[in-house]
Amino acid sequence: MNENAEILIIPAGNPDGIQNKRRVNAQKINLSTDYGLLAAPESTALNNRLMEFKPHAALDIHEFANTQKKNIGAQGWLTDFESQFEYANNPIVNQPLQQFRSDVMLPEILKTLSDKGLRCNR
């Protein structure tokens, strides 16, 4: 590991949503889809912090409610898992990094957790 690595942890990007057990903030804006618009103050604050920090990589970890399994199941997605992982599909990410996350990083995360007994899938 790089001894000079800096890690920025943002424990709760949507405190309203956490409190109300909803995807949306207090203004009913879905922060998962607002990042391009920056209509919500939470999205703007996160964007400002990321632009200040300029990370080489970002990892977004958030829960996926069990009730959503019905929705994704109806769309044909596999729902027999305890955890779901995916990489961001932002088009501004350069091709080598896209390739690394899809061919190396995601499979390694899934294998490591599966080997430890967690049912997970992409």
C-alpha atoms as a PDB file:
ATOM      1  CA  MET A   1       0.000   0.000   0.000  1.00  0.00           C
ATOM      2  CA  ASN A   2       1.170   3.506  -0.757  1.00  0.00           C
ATOM      3  CA  GLU A   3       2.335   5.121   2.467  1.00  0.00           C
ATOM      4  CA  ASN A   4       1.165   8.477   1.112  1.00  0.00           C
ATOM      5  CA  ALA A   5      -2.390   7.374   0.385  1.00  0.00           C
ATOM      6  CA  GLU A   6      -5.137   9.675   1.578  1.00  0.00           C
ATOM      7  CA  ILE A   7      -8.621   8.355   2.263  1.00  0.00           C
ATOM      8  CA  LEU A   8     -11.701  10.544   2.454  1.00  0.00           C
ATOM      9  CA  ILE A   9     -14.708   8.981   4.161  1.00  0.00           C
ATOM     10  CA  ILE A  10     -18.134  10.553   3.862  1.00  0.00           C
ATOM     11  CA  PRO A  11     -20.271   8.504   6.243  1.00  0.00           C
ATOM     12  CA  ALA A  12     -23.707   9.773   5.183  1.00  0.00           C
ATOM     13  CA  GLY A  13     -24.348  11.593   1.930  1.00  0.00           C
ATOM     14  CA  ASN A  14     -28.110  11.561   2.459  1.00  0.00           C
ATOM     15  CA  PRO A  15     -28.836  12.103   6.161  1.00  0.00           C
ATOM     16  CA  ASP A  16     -32.507  12.923   5.442  1.00  0.00           C
ATOM     17  CA  GLY A  17     -32.891   9.664   3.577  1.00  0.00           C
ATOM     18  CA  ILE A  18     -31.263   7.704   6.386  1.00  0.00           C
ATOM     19  CA  GLN A  19     -33.531   9.274   8.968  1.00  0.00           C
ATOM     20  CA  ASN A  20     -36.670   8.718   6.861  1.00  0.00           C
ATOM     21  CA  LYS A  21     -35.583   5.348   5.389  1.00  0.00           C
ATOM     22  CA  ARG A  22     -36.012   6.706   1.870  1.00  0.00           C
ATOM     23  CA  ARG A  23     -33.822   7.274  -1.182  1.00  0.00           C
ATOM     24  CA  VAL A  24     -34.873  10.882  -1.395  1.00  0.00           C
ATOM     25  CA  ASN A  25     -33.815  13.824   0.714  1.00  0.00           C
ATOM     26  CA  ALA A  26     -36.192  16.184   2.543  1.00  0.00           C
ATOM     27  CA  GLN A  27     -36.934  17.968  -0.756  1.00  0.00           C
ATOM     28  CA  LYS A  28     -37.936  14.615  -2.358  1.00  0.00           C
ATOM     29  CA  ILE A  29     -34.876  14.567  -4.630  1.00  0.00           C
ATOM     30  CA  ASN A  30     -33.354  11.156  -5.339  1.00  0.00           C
ATOM     31  CA  LEU A  31     -29.676  11.749  -4.673  1.00  0.00           C
ATOM     32  CA  SER A  32     -28.715   8.617  -6.612  1.00  0.00           C
ATOM     33  CA  THR A  33     -29.829  10.318  -9.820  1.00  0.00           C
ATOM     34  CA  ASP A  34     -29.132  13.955  -8.934  1.00  0.00           C
ATOM     35  CA  TYR A  35     -25.376  13.990  -9.306  1.00  0.00           C
ATOM     36  CA  GLY A  36     -25.435  15.348 -12.850  1.00  0.00           C
ATOM     37  CA  LEU A  37     -27.977  18.057 -12.025  1.00  0.00           C
ATOM     38  CA  LEU A  38     -26.713  19.069  -8.585  1.00  0.00           C
ATOM     39  CA  ALA A  39     -30.213  20.228  -7.659  1.00  0.00           C
ATOM     40  CA  ALA A  40     -29.911  19.061  -4.048  1.00  0.00           C
ATOM     41  CA  PRO A  41     -27.632  20.729  -1.491  1.00  0.00           C
ATOM     42  CA  GLU A  42     -26.241  17.293  -0.548  1.00  0.00           C
ATOM     43  CA  SER A  43     -25.204  16.632  -4.160  1.00  0.00           C
ATOM     44  CA  THR A  44     -23.589  20.053  -4.437  1.00  0.00           C
ATOM     45  CA  ALA A  45     -21.708  19.566  -1.162  1.00  0.00           C
ATOM     46  CA  LEU A  46     -20.446  16.142  -2.252  1.00  0.00           C
ATOM     47  CA  ASN A  47     -19.414  17.478  -5.650  1.00  0.00           C
ATOM     48  CA  ASN A  48     -17.558  20.397  -4.058  1.00  0.00           C
ATOM     49  CA  ARG A  49     -15.696  18.078  -1.692  1.00  0.00           C
ATOM     50  CA  LEU A  50     -14.751  15.684  -4.499  1.00  0.00           C
ATOM     51  CA  MET A  51     -13.527  18.553  -6.688  1.00  0.00           C
ATOM     52  CA  GLU A  52     -11.438  19.793  -3.768  1.00  0.00           C
ATOM     53  CA  PHE A  53     -10.060  16.348  -2.906  1.00  0.00           C
ATOM     54  CA  LYS A  54      -9.627  15.162  -6.547  1.00  0.00           C
ATOM     55  CA  PRO A  55      -9.578  11.422  -5.790  1.00  0.00           C
ATOM     56  CA  HIS A  56      -7.951   8.895  -8.099  1.00  0.00           C
ATOM     57  CA  ALA A  57     -10.802   6.526  -7.270  1.00  0.00           C
ATOM     58  CA  ALA A  58     -14.100   6.633  -5.401  1.00  0.00           C
ATOM     59  CA  LEU A  59     -16.030   3.827  -3.743  1.00  0.00           C
ATOM     60  CA  ASP A  60     -19.701   4.324  -2.995  1.00  0.00           C
ATOM     61  CA  ILE A  61     -21.101   1.895  -0.451  1.00  0.00           C
ATOM     62  CA  HIS A  62     -24.751   2.094   0.411  1.00  0.00           C
ATOM     63  CA  GLU A  63     -27.534  -0.240   1.301  1.00  0.00           C
ATOM     64  CA  PHE A  64     -30.003  -1.715  -1.112  1.00  0.00           C
ATOM     65  CA  ALA A  65     -33.295  -2.301   0.668  1.00  0.00           C
ATOM     66  CA  ASN A  66     -34.713  -5.808   0.634  1.00  0.00           C
ATOM     67  CA  THR A  67     -38.002  -4.357  -0.591  1.00  0.00           C
ATOM     68  CA  GLN A  68     -36.229  -3.353  -3.786  1.00  0.00           C
ATOM     69  CA  LYS A  69     -35.626  -7.014  -4.599  1.00  0.00           C
ATOM     70  CA  LYS A  70     -39.252  -7.173  -5.758  1.00  0.00           C
ATOM     71  CA  ASN A  71     -38.637  -4.322  -8.175  1.00  0.00           C
ATOM     72  CA  ILE A  72     -35.430  -5.653  -9.653  1.00  0.00           C
ATOM     73  CA  GLY A  73     -36.852  -9.173  -9.700  1.00  0.00           C
ATOM     74  CA  ALA A  74     -39.709  -7.945 -11.870  1.00  0.00           C
ATOM     75  CA  GLN A  75     -37.112  -6.510 -14.237  1.00  0.00           C
ATOM     76  CA  GLY A  76     -35.397  -9.883 -14.543  1.00  0.00           C
ATOM     77  CA  TRP A  77     -32.438  -9.247 -12.250  1.00  0.00           C
ATOM     78  CA  LEU A  78     -31.114 -11.966  -9.985  1.00  0.00           C
ATOM     79  CA  THR A  79     -32.327 -11.433  -6.421  1.00  0.00           C
ATOM     80  CA  ASP A  80     -30.833 -14.389  -4.522  1.00  0.00           C
ATOM     81  CA  PHE A  81     -28.021 -12.532  -2.805  1.00  0.00           C
ATOM     82  CA  GLU A  82     -27.205 -10.767   0.427  1.00  0.00           C
ATOM     83  CA  SER A  83     -25.088  -8.044  -1.186  1.00  0.00           C
ATOM     84  CA  GLN A  84     -24.956  -6.527  -4.634  1.00  0.00           C
ATOM     85  CA  PHE A  85     -21.952  -4.815  -6.195  1.00  0.00           C
ATOM     86  CA  GLU A  86     -21.619  -2.728  -9.317  1.00  0.00           C
ATOM     87  CA  TYR A  87     -19.182  -0.199 -10.662  1.00  0.00           C
ATOM     88  CA  ALA A  88     -20.155   3.276 -11.778  1.00  0.00           C
ATOM     89  CA  ASN A  89     -20.765   3.664 -15.473  1.00  0.00           C
ATOM     90  CA  ASN A  90     -19.835   7.320 -15.732  1.00  0.00           C
ATOM     91  CA  PRO A  91     -18.733   8.000 -19.341  1.00  0.00           C
ATOM     92  CA  ILE A  92     -15.960  10.398 -18.278  1.00  0.00           C
ATOM     93  CA  VAL A  93     -13.991   7.532 -16.677  1.00  0.00           C
ATOM     94  CA  ASN A  94     -11.139   6.626 -19.019  1.00  0.00           C
ATOM     95  CA  GLN A  95     -11.185   3.262 -20.810  1.00  0.00           C
ATOM     96  CA  PRO A  96      -8.262   1.599 -18.956  1.00  0.00           C
ATOM     97  CA  LEU A  97      -9.899   2.354 -15.594  1.00  0.00           C
ATOM     98  CA  GLN A  98     -13.283   1.116 -16.869  1.00  0.00           C
ATOM     99  CA  GLN A  99     -11.587  -2.101 -17.991  1.00  0.00           C
ATOM    100  CA  PHE A 100      -9.792  -2.502 -14.654  1.00  0.00           C
ATOM    101  CA  ARG A 101     -12.952  -2.064 -12.593  1.00  0.00           C
ATOM    102  CA  SER A 102     -14.998  -4.485 -14.712  1.00  0.00           C
ATOM    103  CA  ASP A 103     -12.338  -7.140 -15.371  1.00  0.00           C
ATOM    104  CA  VAL A 104     -10.230  -7.025 -12.199  1.00  0.00           C
ATOM    105  CA  MET A 105     -11.700  -5.066  -9.311  1.00  0.00           C
ATOM    106  CA  LEU A 106     -15.343  -6.189  -9.334  1.00  0.00           C
ATOM    107  CA  PRO A 107     -14.597  -9.904  -9.887  1.00  0.00           C
ATOM    108  CA  GLU A 108     -11.990  -9.806  -7.100  1.00  0.00           C
ATOM    109  CA  ILE A 109     -14.425  -8.168  -4.665  1.00  0.00           C
ATOM    110  CA  LEU A 110     -17.111 -10.743  -5.493  1.00  0.00           C
ATOM    111  CA  LYS A 111     -14.707 -13.676  -5.201  1.00  0.00           C
ATOM    112  CA  THR A 112     -13.200 -12.497  -1.914  1.00  0.00           C
ATOM    113  CA  LEU A 113     -16.585 -11.994  -0.264  1.00  0.00           C
ATOM    114  CA  SER A 114     -18.042 -15.165  -1.732  1.00  0.00           C
ATOM    115  CA  ASP A 115     -15.044 -17.143  -0.412  1.00  0.00           C
ATOM    116  CA  LYS A 116     -15.867 -15.703   3.031  1.00  0.00           C
ATOM    117  CA  GLY A 117     -19.441 -17.002   2.780  1.00  0.00           C
ATOM    118  CA  LEU A 118     -21.358 -13.875   1.736  1.00  0.00           C
ATOM    119  CA  ARG A 119     -23.872 -14.506  -1.040  1.00  0.00           C
ATOM    120  CA  CYS A 120     -23.173 -11.664  -3.430  1.00  0.00           C
ATOM    121  CA  ASN A 121     -23.584 -10.873  -7.062  1.00  0.00           C
ATOM    122  CA  ARG A 122     -23.143  -8.130  -9.594  1.00  0.00           C
END
